[in-house]
């Protein structure tokens, strides 16, 4: 039985009060607290029941490296796909495509976010029932996927402006019905086989790039692209199921006890996911319905760059989510330090990237999309700084879920959505898509600050001000390089600025190499 370890914070330091002692063996762990040096210490752990492999720091580092490499390649292919689509479809049809993608993305988040986080958390805590939990989750997701497919079609057919847009909506929504099989990929994350999960994402990105290239050569319209998108999902779904079944011989089944627990924990998370997903897309939908498809296409093209960059925080947080849940459940103080490190290093990447996007927004937009999309630059200049907030929010969101702060996260996400929708409805008709971009930046900042405050209050997690100062100092010379090479090719300018920033980070100690040394040690940090 899992006991509760509650923490009070006095003068910024944790004071633990144990309501009932945690039997670490129930979680396959022996906690190792109070190290004080800021590093993530080694810990001796017994194997979890049903465990298949030890996770050493060295293996964890290899997984992180592979995740980052695959995400970087995926980012490059994603930007290439967007560039091809915008040139092939034009601003108006790309607006139709973006509307369909926005609705489908919200549905995916609504159906997957809560249940997926719930199953990862429960399976990380109770190793004995992992396979039963996974099988029950897959069945529930299949049912939810069919319901979401019907909802997306209903809403999409009302909002779409013509028959081609409606048929495109149908093709884009079809993958929602694949959830019974595609959701089996959660087994790979539970077992910390994220290299396989990342390979599947890379496989899907490669297939989608091939379909888009074929569409541009053969002259497919929006409908052909949409059903090509569905075909890519079908192939990737089958590959995911085969890999998952080879790794773990789980059965698609209904276990009443675990189904009840998953649903109870997932419902507030699902609501939070719906709020967060809708908040990320509501500005694009309001622009599409209030202005016109062409403006919506330009705005969505700018927003797609911001979305593609989310691979950075996702690559950091997705891998350690099971570890954070286990550490928090056992009262291990590595939870606080890991979250703080993740948040700090997200800012190390996000601040210069956001600054570079803002400075080179027009050049980058023309380079990616062509001269017809020059207007994207103005929107991107406003949206780019929001990447700092969305990156930090991704880290804090995973930490909040691991710490059981689901209700607080749901309240924050719901408030953000309501406020953003109200502001967009009032100001977008008057100020256009520029108003939507400003509102998005402001709401993302508010969400990040609110999540930080809630986590700091409940767990003691905090962002060090001196760290932000070091990152800002390291960003200054990189910004100078961008200004000096303003008229140079975009890729050359960004490469020079990136190299300058890396050197400056080392000199200002914004990035500590000691953390890398800690990661590549052989010590066992978990068994999964």
Protein backbone atom coordinates (compact mmCIF):
# COMPACT_ATOMS: atom_id res chain seq x y z
CA UNK A 1 0.00 0.00 0.00
CA UNK A 2 1.43 3.38 -1.00
CA UNK A 3 1.85 5.71 1.90
CA UNK A 4 1.72 9.50 1.74
CA UNK A 5 4.77 11.63 2.42
CA UNK A 6 3.77 15.24 2.93
CA UNK A 7 6.20 18.14 2.94
CA UNK A 8 6.21 21.50 4.65
CA UNK A 9 8.53 24.23 3.52
CA UNK A 10 10.30 26.35 6.14
CA UNK A 11 12.73 29.07 5.04
CA UNK A 12 12.87 27.54 1.60
CA UNK A 13 13.96 24.09 2.86
CA UNK A 14 11.87 20.91 2.95
CA UNK A 15 10.73 19.48 6.27
CA UNK A 16 9.16 16.07 5.82
CA UNK A 17 6.32 14.84 7.98
CA UNK A 18 5.60 11.17 7.45
CA UNK A 19 1.97 10.25 7.97
CA UNK A 20 2.79 6.60 7.44
CA UNK A 21 6.18 5.19 6.53
CA UNK A 22 6.84 4.37 2.88
CA UNK A 23 7.94 0.82 2.34
CA UNK A 24 10.43 1.47 -0.45
CA UNK A 25 10.37 -2.14 -1.50
CA UNK A 26 6.75 -1.68 -2.62
CA UNK A 27 8.12 0.70 -5.25
CA UNK A 28 11.36 -1.14 -5.90
CA UNK A 29 13.31 1.74 -4.41
CA UNK A 30 15.49 2.73 -1.50
CA UNK A 31 15.51 6.50 -1.31
CA UNK A 32 18.74 8.39 -0.79
CA UNK A 33 18.03 11.86 0.51
CA UNK A 34 19.94 14.90 1.69
CA UNK A 35 22.96 15.13 -0.61
CA UNK A 36 23.12 18.89 -0.75
CA UNK A 37 25.48 19.23 -3.73
CA UNK A 38 22.76 19.86 -6.32
CA UNK A 39 23.63 16.74 -8.29
CA UNK A 40 21.30 13.84 -8.92
CA UNK A 41 22.84 11.20 -6.59
CA UNK A 42 23.14 7.49 -7.25
CA UNK A 43 20.69 5.26 -5.44
CA UNK A 44 20.62 1.52 -4.86
CA UNK A 45 17.27 0.04 -5.92
CA UNK A 46 15.77 -3.42 -5.82
CA UNK A 47 14.22 -4.58 -9.05
CA UNK A 48 10.60 -3.62 -9.47
CA UNK A 49 8.22 -6.58 -9.73
CA UNK A 50 7.89 -7.23 -13.44
CA UNK A 51 10.98 -5.14 -14.18
CA UNK A 52 12.92 -5.91 -17.32
CA UNK A 53 16.05 -3.75 -17.28
CA UNK A 54 18.09 -1.45 -15.03
CA UNK A 55 18.29 2.22 -16.03
CA UNK A 56 21.79 3.55 -15.36
CA UNK A 57 22.78 7.15 -15.78
CA UNK A 58 24.84 6.13 -18.80
CA UNK A 59 21.90 4.42 -20.46
CA UNK A 60 19.65 7.34 -19.56
CA UNK A 61 22.13 9.68 -21.24
CA UNK A 62 22.15 7.47 -24.34
CA UNK A 63 18.36 7.55 -24.43
CA UNK A 64 18.37 11.34 -24.07
CA UNK A 65 20.93 11.67 -26.88
CA UNK A 66 18.98 9.42 -29.22
CA UNK A 67 15.75 11.23 -28.34
CA UNK A 68 17.31 14.59 -29.13
CA UNK A 69 18.83 13.37 -32.39
CA UNK A 70 15.54 11.88 -33.58
CA UNK A 71 13.61 14.97 -32.50
CA UNK A 72 16.08 17.24 -34.31
CA UNK A 73 15.66 15.23 -37.51
CA UNK A 74 11.91 15.27 -36.98
CA UNK A 75 12.01 19.05 -36.57
CA UNK A 76 13.91 19.42 -39.85
CA UNK A 77 11.45 17.16 -41.67
CA UNK A 78 8.49 18.93 -40.06
CA UNK A 79 9.70 22.32 -41.28
CA UNK A 80 10.31 20.84 -44.74
CA UNK A 81 6.75 19.46 -44.79
CA UNK A 82 5.27 22.82 -43.80
CA UNK A 83 7.35 24.58 -46.46
CA UNK A 84 6.16 22.18 -49.16
CA UNK A 85 2.53 22.34 -48.03
CA UNK A 86 2.38 26.12 -47.96
CA UNK A 87 3.89 26.41 -51.44
CA UNK A 88 1.64 23.67 -52.85
CA UNK A 89 -1.68 24.64 -51.25
CA UNK A 90 -1.33 28.42 -51.07
CA UNK A 91 -2.45 30.57 -48.10
CA UNK A 92 -6.22 29.91 -48.36
CA UNK A 93 -6.11 26.10 -48.68
CA UNK A 94 -3.34 25.93 -46.10
CA UNK A 95 -5.79 27.75 -43.83
CA UNK A 96 -8.32 24.94 -44.44
CA UNK A 97 -5.63 22.34 -43.74
CA UNK A 98 -4.63 24.14 -40.53
CA UNK A 99 -8.23 24.25 -39.31
CA UNK A 100 -8.59 20.49 -39.78
CA UNK A 101 -5.22 19.86 -38.11
CA UNK A 102 -6.15 22.14 -35.21
CA UNK A 103 -9.39 20.26 -34.49
CA UNK A 104 -7.73 16.85 -34.84
CA UNK A 105 -4.84 17.91 -32.59
CA UNK A 106 -7.23 19.07 -29.88
CA UNK A 107 -9.06 15.73 -30.14
CA UNK A 108 -5.78 13.76 -29.89
CA UNK A 109 -4.76 15.75 -26.82
CA UNK A 110 -8.20 15.37 -25.25
CA UNK A 111 -8.28 11.61 -25.82
CA UNK A 112 -4.67 10.77 -25.05
CA UNK A 113 -3.27 13.30 -22.60
CA UNK A 114 -5.19 12.40 -19.47
CA UNK A 115 -5.29 8.64 -19.92
CA UNK A 116 -1.68 8.40 -21.07
CA UNK A 117 -0.32 10.40 -18.14
CA UNK A 118 -2.54 8.38 -15.81
CA UNK A 119 -1.33 5.01 -17.06
CA UNK A 120 2.35 6.08 -16.98
CA UNK A 121 1.99 7.32 -13.41
CA UNK A 122 0.09 4.27 -12.16
CA UNK A 123 2.38 1.79 -13.93
CA UNK A 124 5.48 3.58 -12.59
CA UNK A 125 4.18 3.22 -9.03
CA UNK A 126 2.68 -0.29 -9.23
CA UNK A 127 5.07 -2.44 -11.25
CA UNK A 128 3.18 -5.67 -10.59
CA UNK A 129 0.14 -4.61 -12.60
CA UNK A 130 1.81 -2.85 -15.53
CA UNK A 131 0.63 -5.18 -18.27
CA UNK A 132 -2.95 -5.28 -16.97
CA UNK A 133 -2.98 -1.48 -16.75
CA UNK A 134 -1.65 -1.16 -20.29
CA UNK A 135 -4.21 -3.58 -21.74
CA UNK A 136 -7.09 -1.79 -20.03
CA UNK A 137 -5.82 1.59 -21.19
CA UNK A 138 -5.65 0.47 -24.83
CA UNK A 139 -9.29 -0.65 -24.77
CA UNK A 140 -10.51 2.57 -23.16
CA UNK A 141 -8.56 4.69 -25.66
CA UNK A 142 -10.12 2.80 -28.58
CA UNK A 143 -13.63 3.65 -27.39
CA UNK A 144 -12.75 7.29 -26.69
CA UNK A 145 -11.13 7.63 -30.14
CA UNK A 146 -14.32 6.69 -31.98
CA UNK A 147 -16.35 9.20 -29.95
CA UNK A 148 -13.83 11.98 -30.67
CA UNK A 149 -13.91 11.15 -34.40
CA UNK A 150 -17.66 11.82 -34.46
CA UNK A 151 -17.25 15.08 -32.52
CA UNK A 152 -14.49 16.41 -34.80
CA UNK A 153 -16.52 15.63 -37.92
CA UNK A 154 -19.56 17.41 -36.51
CA UNK A 155 -17.67 20.55 -35.54
CA UNK A 156 -15.44 20.50 -38.62
CA UNK A 157 -18.28 20.21 -41.09
CA UNK A 158 -19.93 23.27 -39.54
CA UNK A 159 -16.77 25.42 -39.62
CA UNK A 160 -15.36 24.30 -43.01
CA UNK A 161 -16.05 26.78 -45.82
CA UNK A 162 -16.67 24.39 -48.74
CA UNK A 163 -16.94 20.74 -49.82
CA UNK A 164 -13.20 20.27 -50.38
CA UNK A 165 -12.48 21.52 -46.87
CA UNK A 166 -15.08 19.11 -45.43
CA UNK A 167 -13.63 16.10 -47.27
CA UNK A 168 -10.17 17.15 -46.07
CA UNK A 169 -11.56 17.24 -42.54
CA UNK A 170 -12.82 13.66 -42.94
CA UNK A 171 -9.43 12.35 -44.07
CA UNK A 172 -7.52 14.17 -41.33
CA UNK A 173 -9.90 12.88 -38.64
CA UNK A 174 -9.71 9.20 -39.64
CA UNK A 175 -6.61 8.45 -37.50
CA UNK A 176 -8.72 9.13 -34.39
CA UNK A 177 -10.42 5.78 -35.03
CA UNK A 178 -7.06 3.96 -34.92
CA UNK A 179 -6.64 4.60 -31.18
CA UNK A 180 -7.41 0.99 -30.17
CA UNK A 181 -4.16 -0.07 -31.83
CA UNK A 182 -2.01 3.08 -31.89
CA UNK A 183 -2.31 3.67 -28.12
CA UNK A 184 -0.29 0.49 -27.50
CA UNK A 185 2.79 2.67 -27.88
CA UNK A 186 2.40 3.67 -24.24
CA UNK A 187 3.99 0.30 -23.35
CA UNK A 188 7.26 1.52 -24.85
CA UNK A 189 7.26 4.58 -22.61
CA UNK A 190 6.31 2.65 -19.48
CA UNK A 191 9.23 0.28 -20.09
CA UNK A 192 11.57 3.22 -20.80
CA UNK A 193 12.13 1.96 -24.36
CA UNK A 194 11.88 5.49 -25.63
CA UNK A 195 14.43 4.82 -28.37
CA UNK A 196 11.79 2.61 -30.01
CA UNK A 197 9.07 5.21 -29.49
CA UNK A 198 11.31 7.93 -30.97
CA UNK A 199 12.13 5.66 -33.93
CA UNK A 200 8.43 5.21 -34.63
CA UNK A 201 7.90 8.97 -34.62
CA UNK A 202 10.83 9.33 -37.01
CA UNK A 203 9.34 6.63 -39.23
CA UNK A 204 6.02 8.46 -39.32
CA UNK A 205 7.69 11.80 -40.12
CA UNK A 206 9.64 10.23 -42.96
CA UNK A 207 6.52 8.65 -44.44
CA UNK A 208 4.59 11.92 -44.19
CA UNK A 209 7.40 13.83 -45.90
CA UNK A 210 7.32 11.24 -48.71
CA UNK A 211 3.55 11.63 -49.09
CA UNK A 212 3.83 15.42 -49.26
CA UNK A 213 6.59 15.18 -51.88
CA UNK A 214 4.43 12.80 -53.90
CA UNK A 215 1.46 15.16 -53.57
CA UNK A 216 3.45 18.11 -54.91
CA UNK A 217 4.73 16.08 -57.86
CA UNK A 218 1.34 14.60 -58.77
CA UNK A 219 -0.64 17.75 -57.96
CA UNK A 220 -2.91 16.32 -55.26
CA UNK A 221 -5.40 18.72 -53.75
CA UNK A 222 -6.30 19.07 -50.06
CA UNK A 223 -8.44 15.90 -50.13
CA UNK A 224 -5.62 13.74 -51.48
CA UNK A 225 -3.23 15.10 -48.87
CA UNK A 226 -5.71 14.46 -46.07
CA UNK A 227 -6.22 10.81 -46.97
CA UNK A 228 -2.47 10.43 -47.48
CA UNK A 229 -2.11 11.70 -43.91
CA UNK A 230 -4.54 9.00 -42.76
CA UNK A 231 -2.60 6.32 -44.65
CA UNK A 232 0.64 7.37 -42.93
CA UNK A 233 -1.06 7.05 -39.55
CA UNK A 234 -2.37 3.60 -40.48
CA UNK A 235 1.11 2.30 -41.34
CA UNK A 236 2.68 3.80 -38.23
CA UNK A 237 -0.13 2.40 -36.06
CA UNK A 238 0.49 -1.16 -37.24
CA UNK A 239 4.25 -0.79 -36.69
CA UNK A 240 3.66 0.53 -33.15
CA UNK A 241 1.37 -2.34 -32.23
CA UNK A 242 3.78 -4.98 -33.54
CA UNK A 243 6.73 -3.50 -31.61
CA UNK A 244 4.73 -3.11 -28.41
CA UNK A 245 3.46 -6.69 -28.55
CA UNK A 246 6.95 -8.06 -29.15
CA UNK A 247 8.26 -6.19 -26.12
CA UNK A 248 5.38 -7.01 -23.74
CA UNK A 249 2.79 -9.72 -24.34
CA UNK A 250 -0.04 -7.63 -22.95
CA UNK A 251 -3.66 -8.40 -23.77
CA UNK A 252 -6.29 -5.87 -24.77
CA UNK A 253 -8.62 -6.43 -21.87
CA UNK A 254 -10.99 -4.77 -19.45
CA UNK A 255 -10.01 -4.90 -15.80
CA UNK A 256 -12.78 -3.29 -13.78
CA UNK A 257 -10.61 -2.24 -10.84
CA UNK A 258 -7.89 -0.63 -12.93
CA UNK A 259 -10.34 0.87 -15.39
CA UNK A 260 -12.04 2.67 -12.51
CA UNK A 261 -8.73 3.99 -11.17
CA UNK A 262 -7.51 5.11 -14.57
CA UNK A 263 -10.77 6.89 -15.38
CA UNK A 264 -10.93 8.62 -11.97
CA UNK A 265 -7.37 9.92 -12.31
CA UNK A 266 -7.61 10.60 -16.03
CA UNK A 267 -10.85 12.59 -16.11
CA UNK A 268 -9.44 15.77 -14.56
CA UNK A 269 -6.29 15.29 -16.64
CA UNK A 270 -8.40 14.84 -19.76
CA UNK A 271 -10.19 18.06 -18.94
CA UNK A 272 -6.81 19.74 -18.43
CA UNK A 273 -5.59 18.33 -21.74
CA UNK A 274 -8.72 19.59 -23.47
CA UNK A 275 -8.18 23.05 -21.99
CA UNK A 276 -4.48 23.10 -22.91
CA UNK A 277 -5.01 21.73 -26.42
CA UNK A 278 -7.91 24.07 -27.13
CA UNK A 279 -5.94 27.02 -25.76
CA UNK A 280 -3.11 26.28 -28.21
CA UNK A 281 -5.53 26.25 -31.16
CA UNK A 282 -8.37 28.61 -30.26
CA UNK A 283 -6.58 31.68 -31.64
CA UNK A 284 -6.11 30.03 -35.06
CA UNK A 285 -9.77 28.94 -35.12
CA UNK A 286 -10.99 32.44 -34.21
CA UNK A 287 -8.78 33.95 -36.92
CA UNK A 288 -10.19 31.46 -39.46
CA UNK A 289 -13.84 32.09 -38.57
CA UNK A 290 -13.57 35.86 -37.91
CA UNK A 291 -11.26 36.99 -40.72
CA UNK A 292 -10.69 34.68 -43.73
CA UNK A 293 -8.88 31.50 -44.77
CA UNK A 294 -5.92 33.35 -46.31
CA UNK A 295 -5.07 35.30 -43.14
CA UNK A 296 -5.62 32.14 -41.12
CA UNK A 297 -3.16 30.34 -43.41
CA UNK A 298 -0.47 32.98 -42.82
CA UNK A 299 -1.04 33.00 -39.06
CA UNK A 300 -1.07 29.20 -38.88
CA UNK A 301 2.19 29.04 -40.84
CA UNK A 302 3.82 31.23 -38.18
CA UNK A 303 2.33 29.16 -35.38
CA UNK A 304 3.51 25.91 -37.00
CA UNK A 305 7.13 26.98 -36.48
CA UNK A 306 6.41 27.47 -32.78
CA UNK A 307 4.70 24.07 -32.60
CA UNK A 308 7.59 22.29 -34.32
CA UNK A 309 9.99 23.71 -31.72
CA UNK A 310 8.06 22.00 -28.93
CA UNK A 311 10.15 18.91 -29.67
CA UNK A 312 12.83 20.49 -27.43
CA UNK A 313 10.94 20.41 -24.11
CA UNK A 314 9.11 17.21 -25.11
CA UNK A 315 12.45 15.46 -25.69
CA UNK A 316 13.55 16.52 -22.20
CA UNK A 317 10.42 15.75 -20.22
CA UNK A 318 8.89 12.74 -21.97
CA UNK A 319 11.79 10.48 -21.04
CA UNK A 320 11.87 11.23 -17.32
CA UNK A 321 8.11 11.35 -16.61
CA UNK A 322 8.05 7.80 -15.13
CA UNK A 323 11.11 8.58 -12.97
CA UNK A 324 9.57 11.81 -11.65
CA UNK A 325 6.40 9.95 -10.66
CA UNK A 326 8.40 7.27 -8.83
CA UNK A 327 10.68 9.77 -7.09
CA UNK A 328 7.78 11.86 -5.86
CA UNK A 329 5.81 8.81 -4.69
CA UNK A 330 8.78 7.61 -2.60
CA UNK A 331 9.60 11.05 -1.17
CA UNK A 332 12.93 11.21 -3.03
CA UNK A 333 14.29 14.78 -3.13
CA UNK A 334 15.66 14.19 -6.62
CA UNK A 335 12.18 15.15 -7.82
CA UNK A 336 12.74 18.83 -6.95
CA UNK A 337 16.27 18.96 -8.29
CA UNK A 338 15.42 17.16 -11.54
CA UNK A 339 12.51 19.52 -12.28
CA UNK A 340 14.66 22.56 -11.54
CA UNK A 341 17.44 21.32 -13.82
CA UNK A 342 14.98 20.57 -16.62
CA UNK A 343 13.39 24.01 -16.37
CA UNK A 344 16.79 25.70 -16.34
CA UNK A 345 18.08 23.89 -19.40
CA UNK A 346 14.88 24.46 -21.33
CA UNK A 347 15.51 28.17 -20.89
CA UNK A 348 19.13 27.70 -22.02
CA UNK A 349 17.75 26.52 -25.37
CA UNK A 350 14.53 28.54 -25.57
CA UNK A 351 15.79 32.09 -24.92
CA UNK A 352 18.31 32.29 -27.81
CA UNK A 353 16.00 30.37 -30.15
CA UNK A 354 13.15 32.79 -29.43
CA UNK A 355 15.44 35.78 -29.90
CA UNK A 356 16.79 34.40 -33.18
CA UNK A 357 13.29 33.70 -34.50
CA UNK A 358 12.14 37.22 -33.65
CA UNK A 359 15.16 38.89 -35.29
CA UNK A 360 15.14 36.76 -38.44
CA UNK A 361 11.37 36.21 -38.68
CA UNK A 362 10.84 37.64 -42.17
CA UNK A 363 13.96 36.04 -43.64
CA UNK A 364 13.08 32.67 -42.16
CA UNK A 365 9.45 32.88 -43.33
CA UNK A 366 10.45 33.60 -46.93
CA UNK A 367 13.13 30.90 -46.79
CA UNK A 368 10.66 28.26 -45.52
CA UNK A 369 7.43 29.23 -47.26
CA UNK A 370 8.28 31.43 -50.22
CA UNK A 371 7.61 35.10 -51.00
CA UNK A 372 3.83 34.57 -51.00
CA UNK A 373 4.06 34.00 -47.23
CA UNK A 374 6.17 37.08 -46.43
CA UNK A 375 3.40 38.28 -44.11
CA UNK A 376 4.17 35.35 -41.78
CA UNK A 377 7.22 37.25 -40.50
CA UNK A 378 5.21 39.86 -38.61
CA UNK A 379 3.20 37.23 -36.75
CA UNK A 380 6.29 35.12 -36.03
CA UNK A 381 8.11 38.11 -34.54
CA UNK A 382 5.36 38.45 -31.92
CA UNK A 383 4.89 34.72 -31.31
CA UNK A 384 8.59 33.77 -31.04
CA UNK A 385 9.18 34.97 -27.43
CA UNK A 386 6.26 32.77 -26.32
CA UNK A 387 8.51 29.74 -26.96
CA UNK A 388 10.32 30.47 -23.68
CA UNK A 389 7.05 30.23 -21.78
CA UNK A 390 5.73 27.15 -23.63
CA UNK A 391 9.02 25.32 -22.98
CA UNK A 392 8.95 26.00 -19.24
CA UNK A 393 5.23 25.17 -19.12
CA UNK A 394 5.94 21.74 -20.64
CA UNK A 395 8.38 20.94 -17.84
CA UNK A 396 6.10 22.20 -15.09
CA UNK A 397 3.10 20.38 -16.55
CA UNK A 398 4.87 17.00 -16.35
CA UNK A 399 6.07 17.81 -12.83
CA UNK A 400 2.57 18.84 -11.72
CA UNK A 401 1.10 15.57 -12.96
CA UNK A 402 3.84 13.50 -11.29
CA UNK A 403 3.21 15.38 -8.04
CA UNK A 404 -0.55 14.81 -8.22
CA UNK A 405 -1.33 18.53 -8.75
CA UNK A 406 -3.96 17.64 -11.33
CA UNK A 407 -6.75 19.85 -10.01
CA UNK A 408 -4.48 22.89 -9.85
CA UNK A 409 -3.16 22.28 -13.35
CA UNK A 410 -6.71 21.86 -14.68
CA UNK A 411 -7.80 25.12 -13.06
CA UNK A 412 -4.83 26.98 -14.53
CA UNK A 413 -5.36 25.52 -18.02
CA UNK A 414 -9.11 26.23 -17.90
CA UNK A 415 -8.56 29.83 -16.82
CA UNK A 416 -6.03 30.33 -19.60
CA UNK A 417 -8.42 28.95 -22.23
CA UNK A 418 -11.38 31.04 -21.06
CA UNK A 419 -9.34 34.22 -20.92
CA UNK A 420 -7.68 33.60 -24.28
CA UNK A 421 -11.00 32.86 -26.02
CA UNK A 422 -12.64 35.97 -24.56
CA UNK A 423 -9.73 38.22 -25.54
CA UNK A 424 -9.55 36.76 -29.06
CA UNK A 425 -13.28 37.25 -29.64
CA UNK A 426 -12.98 40.89 -28.54
CA UNK A 427 -9.69 41.96 -30.12
CA UNK A 428 -9.14 39.78 -33.21
CA UNK A 429 -11.98 41.44 -35.21
CA UNK A 430 -10.42 44.81 -34.40
CA UNK A 431 -6.67 44.14 -34.55
CA UNK A 432 -6.57 41.05 -36.78
CA UNK A 433 -4.09 38.22 -36.44
CA UNK A 434 -1.54 40.56 -34.78
CA UNK A 435 -3.94 40.82 -31.86
CA UNK A 436 -4.18 37.01 -31.69
CA UNK A 437 -0.38 36.75 -31.58
CA UNK A 438 -0.08 39.28 -28.73
CA UNK A 439 -2.82 37.52 -26.77
CA UNK A 440 -1.09 34.14 -27.25
CA UNK A 441 2.21 35.52 -25.94
CA UNK A 442 0.52 37.02 -22.88
CA UNK A 443 -1.51 33.91 -22.03
CA UNK A 444 1.50 31.58 -22.37
CA UNK A 445 3.43 33.80 -19.97
CA UNK A 446 0.58 33.83 -17.47
CA UNK A 447 0.30 30.03 -17.62
CA UNK A 448 4.02 29.48 -17.00
CA UNK A 449 4.06 31.87 -14.03
CA UNK A 450 0.93 30.31 -12.50
CA UNK A 451 2.31 26.76 -12.80
CA UNK A 452 5.63 27.84 -11.29
CA UNK A 453 3.87 29.46 -8.35
CA UNK A 454 1.73 26.38 -7.70
CA UNK A 455 4.70 23.97 -7.87
CA UNK A 456 6.87 26.19 -5.70
CA UNK A 457 4.11 26.40 -3.10
CA UNK A 458 3.42 22.65 -3.07
CA UNK A 459 6.82 21.03 -3.75
CA UNK A 460 9.48 23.72 -3.39
CA UNK A 461 10.46 23.71 -7.08
CA UNK A 462 11.87 27.08 -8.13
CA UNK A 463 13.68 28.80 -11.00
CA UNK A 464 16.99 30.37 -9.97
CA UNK A 465 17.20 34.07 -10.87
CA UNK A 466 20.98 33.92 -11.23
CA UNK A 467 20.58 31.19 -13.83
CA UNK A 468 18.29 33.38 -15.92
CA UNK A 469 20.86 36.18 -15.65
CA UNK A 470 23.59 33.89 -16.98
CA UNK A 471 21.43 32.82 -19.92
CA UNK A 472 20.61 36.45 -20.75
CA UNK A 473 24.32 37.34 -20.59
CA UNK A 474 25.21 34.45 -22.92
CA UNK A 475 22.46 35.50 -25.34
CA UNK A 476 23.86 39.02 -25.82
CA UNK A 477 26.87 38.13 -28.03
CA UNK A 478 24.73 35.72 -30.06
CA UNK A 479 22.25 38.52 -30.73
CA UNK A 480 25.16 40.69 -31.84
CA UNK A 481 26.21 38.05 -34.37
CA UNK A 482 22.65 37.96 -35.77
CA UNK A 483 22.65 41.74 -36.22
CA UNK A 484 26.13 41.69 -37.82
CA UNK A 485 25.13 38.94 -40.28
CA UNK A 486 21.64 40.29 -40.94
CA UNK A 487 22.05 40.19 -44.73
CA UNK A 488 23.82 36.82 -44.82
CA UNK A 489 21.99 33.57 -45.68
CA UNK A 490 19.62 32.58 -42.88
CA UNK A 491 21.21 29.19 -42.14
CA UNK A 492 24.72 30.68 -41.98
CA UNK A 493 23.55 33.45 -39.66
CA UNK A 494 21.78 31.05 -37.30
CA UNK A 495 24.73 28.61 -37.28
CA UNK A 496 27.19 31.38 -36.36
CA UNK A 497 24.88 32.71 -33.66
CA UNK A 498 24.38 29.20 -32.25
CA UNK A 499 28.12 28.54 -32.02
CA UNK A 500 28.67 31.91 -30.34
CA UNK A 501 25.94 31.18 -27.83
CA UNK A 502 27.35 27.73 -26.98
CA UNK A 503 30.76 29.26 -26.21
CA UNK A 504 29.15 32.05 -24.18
CA UNK A 505 27.11 29.53 -22.16
CA UNK A 506 30.31 27.72 -21.23
CA UNK A 507 32.05 30.97 -20.23
CA UNK A 508 29.12 32.27 -18.14
CA UNK A 509 28.44 28.80 -16.61
CA UNK A 510 24.85 28.90 -17.82
CA UNK A 511 25.41 25.25 -18.66
CA UNK A 512 27.25 23.08 -16.11
CA UNK A 513 29.33 20.26 -17.60
CA UNK A 514 29.31 18.58 -14.19
CA UNK A 515 25.66 17.69 -14.84
CA UNK A 516 26.71 15.84 -17.99
CA UNK A 517 29.37 13.95 -16.03
CA UNK A 518 26.74 12.93 -13.51
CA UNK A 519 24.49 11.64 -16.27
CA UNK A 520 27.12 9.45 -17.93
CA UNK A 521 28.00 7.60 -14.71
CA UNK A 522 27.11 3.92 -14.47
CA UNK A 523 25.02 4.24 -11.30
CA UNK A 524 21.58 2.66 -11.40
CA UNK A 525 18.84 5.31 -11.09
CA UNK A 526 15.84 3.03 -11.71
CA UNK A 527 14.67 -0.39 -12.75
CA UNK A 528 11.73 -0.58 -15.12
